[in-house]
Protein backbone atom coordinates (compact mmCIF):
# COMPACT_ATOMS: atom_id res chain seq x y z
CA UNK A 1 21.19 -65.26 -61.66
CA UNK A 2 23.84 -62.77 -60.49
CA UNK A 3 22.36 -59.94 -58.44
CA UNK A 4 24.18 -56.86 -57.19
CA UNK A 5 22.29 -56.39 -53.93
CA UNK A 6 23.31 -52.78 -53.32
CA UNK A 7 23.95 -50.00 -55.81
CA UNK A 8 22.82 -46.40 -56.23
CA UNK A 9 21.15 -44.63 -59.11
CA UNK A 10 23.75 -43.56 -61.65
CA UNK A 11 22.85 -41.00 -64.30
CA UNK A 12 22.30 -41.57 -67.12
CA UNK A 13 20.84 -44.94 -66.16
CA UNK A 14 21.94 -46.41 -69.50
CA UNK A 15 25.53 -46.28 -68.22
CA UNK A 16 24.55 -48.54 -65.34
CA UNK A 17 22.88 -51.03 -67.67
CA UNK A 18 25.99 -51.07 -69.88
CA UNK A 19 28.21 -51.73 -66.86
CA UNK A 20 25.93 -54.57 -65.72
CA UNK A 21 26.05 -56.16 -69.19
CA UNK A 22 29.83 -55.92 -69.33
CA UNK A 23 30.17 -57.40 -65.81
CA UNK A 24 27.69 -60.24 -66.29
CA UNK A 25 25.23 -58.92 -63.70
CA UNK A 26 21.60 -59.86 -64.36
CA UNK A 27 19.80 -57.68 -61.83
CA UNK A 28 20.58 -54.87 -59.38
CA UNK A 29 18.87 -53.73 -56.18
CA UNK A 30 18.79 -49.94 -56.50
CA UNK A 31 18.93 -47.44 -53.64
CA UNK A 32 18.25 -43.74 -53.91
CA UNK A 33 20.94 -41.11 -53.55
CA UNK A 34 21.10 -37.37 -52.96
CA UNK A 35 24.60 -37.32 -54.43
CA UNK A 36 25.78 -37.94 -57.98
CA UNK A 37 29.59 -37.93 -58.09
CA UNK A 38 29.51 -39.58 -61.52
CA UNK A 39 28.34 -36.25 -63.01
CA UNK A 40 31.43 -34.41 -61.75
CA UNK A 41 33.84 -33.15 -64.40
CA UNK A 42 36.61 -31.83 -62.15
CA UNK A 43 38.05 -32.09 -58.64
CA UNK A 44 36.09 -29.10 -57.32
CA UNK A 45 32.75 -30.55 -58.40
CA UNK A 46 33.65 -33.99 -57.04
CA UNK A 47 34.69 -32.48 -53.69
CA UNK A 48 31.37 -30.64 -53.47
CA UNK A 49 29.47 -33.90 -53.96
CA UNK A 50 31.63 -35.71 -51.39
CA UNK A 51 30.98 -32.97 -48.83
CA UNK A 52 27.25 -33.54 -49.36
CA UNK A 53 27.82 -37.28 -48.89
CA UNK A 54 29.63 -36.75 -45.58
CA UNK A 55 26.69 -34.70 -44.31
CA UNK A 56 24.30 -37.48 -45.31
CA UNK A 57 26.41 -40.17 -43.65
CA UNK A 58 26.29 -38.22 -40.40
CA UNK A 59 22.50 -37.79 -40.74
CA UNK A 60 22.97 -34.01 -40.92
CA UNK A 61 20.86 -33.72 -44.06
CA UNK A 62 17.36 -35.15 -44.08
CA UNK A 63 15.16 -32.96 -46.30
CA UNK A 64 11.97 -34.80 -47.16
CA UNK A 65 11.56 -33.14 -50.56
CA UNK A 66 15.10 -34.01 -51.60
CA UNK A 67 14.54 -37.62 -50.58
CA UNK A 68 11.31 -37.74 -52.58
CA UNK A 69 13.18 -36.51 -55.65
CA UNK A 70 15.91 -39.12 -55.13
CA UNK A 71 13.27 -41.82 -54.66
CA UNK A 72 11.65 -40.77 -57.92
CA UNK A 73 14.95 -41.49 -59.71
CA UNK A 74 14.77 -45.08 -58.43
CA UNK A 75 11.15 -45.44 -59.51
CA UNK A 76 11.91 -44.13 -63.01
CA UNK A 77 14.89 -46.47 -63.41
CA UNK A 78 12.80 -49.49 -62.39
CA UNK A 79 9.96 -48.52 -64.74
CA UNK A 80 12.41 -48.14 -67.63
CA UNK A 81 14.18 -51.43 -66.92
CA UNK A 82 11.84 -53.64 -64.84
CA UNK A 83 13.78 -56.79 -65.68
CA UNK A 84 17.08 -55.36 -64.48
CA UNK A 85 16.22 -53.35 -61.35
CA UNK A 86 14.29 -53.67 -58.10
CA UNK A 87 14.45 -51.08 -55.35
CA UNK A 88 14.64 -50.22 -51.68
CA UNK A 89 12.73 -47.17 -50.50
CA UNK A 90 14.18 -44.29 -48.51
CA UNK A 91 12.43 -43.31 -45.28
CA UNK A 92 13.08 -40.04 -43.38
CA UNK A 93 14.13 -40.49 -39.75
CA UNK A 94 11.92 -37.64 -38.51
CA UNK A 95 8.95 -39.87 -37.65
CA UNK A 96 8.11 -40.77 -34.06
CA UNK A 97 7.07 -44.22 -32.87
CA UNK A 98 3.49 -45.07 -33.78
CA UNK A 99 3.25 -42.14 -36.20
CA UNK A 100 0.53 -42.89 -38.73
CA UNK A 101 2.47 -40.90 -41.33
CA UNK A 102 5.35 -43.36 -41.10
CA UNK A 103 3.01 -46.31 -41.70
CA UNK A 104 1.45 -44.49 -44.66
CA UNK A 105 4.90 -43.77 -46.10
CA UNK A 106 5.93 -47.43 -45.82
CA UNK A 107 2.65 -48.66 -47.29
CA UNK A 108 3.05 -46.34 -50.27
CA UNK A 109 6.61 -47.58 -50.84
CA UNK A 110 5.47 -51.19 -50.89
CA UNK A 111 2.04 -51.10 -52.52
CA UNK A 112 2.34 -48.25 -55.01
CA UNK A 113 6.07 -48.24 -55.74
CA UNK A 114 6.70 -51.98 -55.17
CA UNK A 115 9.85 -51.47 -53.12
CA UNK A 116 11.42 -54.62 -51.68
CA UNK A 117 12.76 -53.10 -48.46
CA UNK A 118 13.62 -49.95 -46.51
CA UNK A 119 16.90 -48.06 -46.64
CA UNK A 120 19.59 -47.32 -46.83
CA UNK A 121 19.78 -45.69 -43.40
CA UNK A 122 22.84 -43.58 -42.66
CA UNK A 123 23.28 -42.34 -39.12
CA UNK A 124 25.85 -40.58 -37.01
CA UNK A 125 27.36 -41.95 -33.78
CA UNK A 126 24.76 -42.38 -31.04
CA UNK A 127 21.77 -42.21 -33.43
CA UNK A 128 20.84 -45.89 -33.75
CA UNK A 129 17.79 -45.45 -31.44
CA UNK A 130 16.23 -43.32 -34.21
CA UNK A 131 15.74 -46.56 -36.12
CA UNK A 132 13.35 -48.22 -33.67
CA UNK A 133 10.19 -46.71 -35.21
CA UNK A 134 11.41 -47.96 -38.59
CA UNK A 135 11.96 -51.45 -37.16
CA UNK A 136 8.48 -51.43 -35.67
CA UNK A 137 6.90 -50.34 -38.96
CA UNK A 138 8.84 -53.00 -40.87
CA UNK A 139 7.80 -55.62 -38.31
CA UNK A 140 4.14 -54.63 -38.56
CA UNK A 141 4.24 -54.56 -42.36
CA UNK A 142 5.12 -58.04 -43.61
CA UNK A 143 8.63 -58.10 -42.11
CA UNK A 144 10.28 -55.77 -44.62
CA UNK A 145 14.08 -55.98 -44.85
CA UNK A 146 16.03 -52.98 -43.53
CA UNK A 147 19.43 -51.91 -44.90
CA UNK A 148 21.70 -49.98 -42.48
CA UNK A 149 25.05 -48.37 -43.29
CA UNK A 150 27.49 -49.74 -40.66
CA UNK A 151 30.73 -48.28 -41.97
CA UNK A 152 32.23 -44.98 -40.72
CA UNK A 153 31.02 -42.81 -38.99
CA UNK A 154 29.38 -45.54 -36.87
CA UNK A 155 31.52 -47.10 -34.17
CA UNK A 156 31.43 -50.52 -32.53
CA UNK A 157 29.00 -49.38 -29.83
CA UNK A 158 26.55 -48.24 -32.52
CA UNK A 159 26.79 -51.59 -34.30
CA UNK A 160 26.18 -53.38 -30.99
CA UNK A 161 23.05 -51.26 -30.46
CA UNK A 162 21.88 -52.16 -33.95
CA UNK A 163 22.43 -55.81 -33.08
CA UNK A 164 20.15 -55.43 -30.03
CA UNK A 165 17.42 -54.00 -32.27
CA UNK A 166 17.94 -56.89 -34.69
CA UNK A 167 17.42 -59.36 -31.84
CA UNK A 168 14.39 -57.47 -30.52
CA UNK A 169 12.63 -57.48 -33.91
CA UNK A 170 13.53 -61.01 -34.90
CA UNK A 171 11.00 -61.13 -37.75
CA UNK A 172 12.70 -58.21 -39.55
CA UNK A 173 15.64 -59.07 -41.85
CA UNK A 174 18.46 -56.57 -41.23
CA UNK A 175 21.25 -56.07 -43.75
CA UNK A 176 24.49 -54.80 -42.20
CA UNK A 177 25.87 -52.58 -44.93
CA UNK A 178 29.60 -52.70 -45.63
CA UNK A 179 30.14 -55.46 -43.04
CA UNK A 180 30.75 -53.07 -40.13
CA UNK A 181 33.80 -51.41 -41.69
CA UNK A 182 36.88 -51.81 -39.49
CA UNK A 183 34.67 -53.70 -37.02
CA UNK A 184 34.05 -56.49 -39.52
CA UNK A 185 35.27 -59.29 -37.25
CA UNK A 186 33.03 -58.30 -34.33
CA UNK A 187 30.13 -57.80 -36.74
CA UNK A 188 30.52 -61.28 -38.20
CA UNK A 189 30.75 -62.77 -34.70
CA UNK A 190 27.62 -60.94 -33.53
CA UNK A 191 25.36 -61.90 -36.40
CA UNK A 192 26.66 -65.40 -37.14
CA UNK A 193 23.92 -67.07 -35.11
CA UNK A 194 21.27 -64.41 -35.72
CA UNK A 195 19.00 -65.74 -38.44
CA UNK A 196 17.51 -62.37 -39.40
CA UNK A 197 20.90 -60.64 -39.88
CA UNK A 198 22.64 -60.40 -43.25
CA UNK A 199 26.05 -59.13 -44.38
CA UNK A 200 26.49 -56.78 -47.32
CA UNK A 201 30.04 -57.11 -48.68
CA UNK A 202 30.40 -53.74 -50.44
CA UNK A 203 33.40 -51.69 -49.29
CA UNK A 204 34.80 -54.74 -47.49
CA UNK A 205 37.74 -53.59 -45.39
CA UNK A 206 40.04 -56.52 -46.23
CA UNK A 207 39.74 -59.73 -48.21
CA UNK A 208 40.02 -61.56 -44.88
CA UNK A 209 36.66 -60.05 -43.99
CA UNK A 210 35.14 -61.24 -47.24
CA UNK A 211 36.54 -64.77 -47.07
CA UNK A 212 35.58 -65.22 -43.41
CA UNK A 213 32.03 -63.98 -44.00
CA UNK A 214 31.57 -66.38 -46.91
CA UNK A 215 33.00 -69.25 -44.86
CA UNK A 216 31.01 -68.59 -41.69
CA UNK A 217 27.73 -67.24 -43.10
CA UNK A 218 27.41 -68.45 -46.71
CA UNK A 219 23.61 -68.37 -46.57
CA UNK A 220 23.41 -64.73 -45.42
CA UNK A 221 26.33 -63.03 -47.17
CA UNK A 222 25.24 -60.77 -50.05
CA UNK A 223 27.25 -59.78 -53.11
CA UNK A 224 27.08 -56.02 -53.59
CA UNK A 225 29.09 -53.13 -54.99
CA UNK A 226 27.75 -49.81 -53.64
CA UNK A 227 28.15 -48.62 -57.25
CA UNK A 228 29.32 -45.98 -58.20
CA UNK A 229 31.56 -46.03 -55.08
CA UNK A 230 32.61 -49.62 -55.73
CA UNK A 231 33.22 -51.66 -58.88
CA UNK A 232 30.65 -54.45 -59.36
CA UNK A 233 32.95 -56.48 -61.62
CA UNK A 234 35.84 -56.45 -59.13
CA UNK A 235 33.58 -57.41 -56.23
CA UNK A 236 32.08 -60.21 -58.29
CA UNK A 237 35.53 -61.58 -59.05
CA UNK A 238 36.52 -61.27 -55.38
CA UNK A 239 33.53 -63.40 -54.35
CA UNK A 240 34.37 -66.05 -56.94
CA UNK A 241 37.99 -66.12 -55.78
CA UNK A 242 37.08 -66.59 -52.11
CA UNK A 243 34.31 -69.20 -52.38
CA UNK A 244 35.03 -72.86 -51.86
CA UNK A 245 32.43 -74.20 -54.28
CA UNK A 246 30.14 -73.24 -57.10
CA UNK A 247 27.13 -73.79 -54.86
CA UNK A 248 28.39 -71.27 -52.30
CA UNK A 249 29.25 -68.79 -55.05
CA UNK A 250 25.73 -69.09 -56.46
CA UNK A 251 24.27 -68.36 -53.03
CA UNK A 252 26.39 -65.29 -52.35
CA UNK A 253 26.21 -63.88 -55.88
CA UNK A 254 22.43 -63.99 -56.13
CA UNK A 255 20.67 -66.85 -54.40
CA UNK A 256 20.62 -65.31 -50.94
CA UNK A 257 19.24 -61.92 -51.95
CA UNK A 258 16.82 -63.56 -54.38
CA UNK A 259 15.37 -65.68 -51.58
CA UNK A 260 15.26 -62.74 -49.17
CA UNK A 261 13.45 -60.40 -51.55
CA UNK A 262 11.46 -63.08 -53.43
CA UNK A 263 12.76 -62.07 -56.84
């Protein structure tokens, strides 16, 4: 089974299904989004959506109601196509440690909405400590996987702080989204011997990053596209090109995420 381990809701959802069929992708792990660039019809509209995205990536926008609406899009997509989609649930970063509301939110995501993990989390420089309550909740609640955006605007220091949290909560699987961006080499080195750390390949900075990750961490490297920002077909072909064997390709293209999420 080929599984795209990270993509966003694209409207209409039928377009996503068509793309998956054309690319040979069996299942996709869906993440919510407050931005829909695929609906833009001109440069002005696209720029407006990208400006919203930049605010989100810097954790400048965190409206709970907007996130609930975006989460509902994921839930609807999964209900319409349960054999093609599973989801990760968005969690606001406004909770404090030990907040009962946070635990209730996570429990609802898992029990009622059947989400397979938490994320994605997008933070600005210096904001990684905001994730500790999330890590604690995930640790307390059946070791839920957490997906963290580690591309720009995060810097190497932020990724190192995330690594310390990963080590502290060793029962929580942590997916390093986009392989650390320009810090891909340091990211691979840090998590190579950390059994609860995983690498998401979407937006890989160079094919050297992709090939090295597959070589060094074949059991914890995850095929992904970040669709609609990346092309699932091209990333799939890149993985096939840079794997040394069919067994390794099977792991990266679906086996690893299937085992992690029990799907």
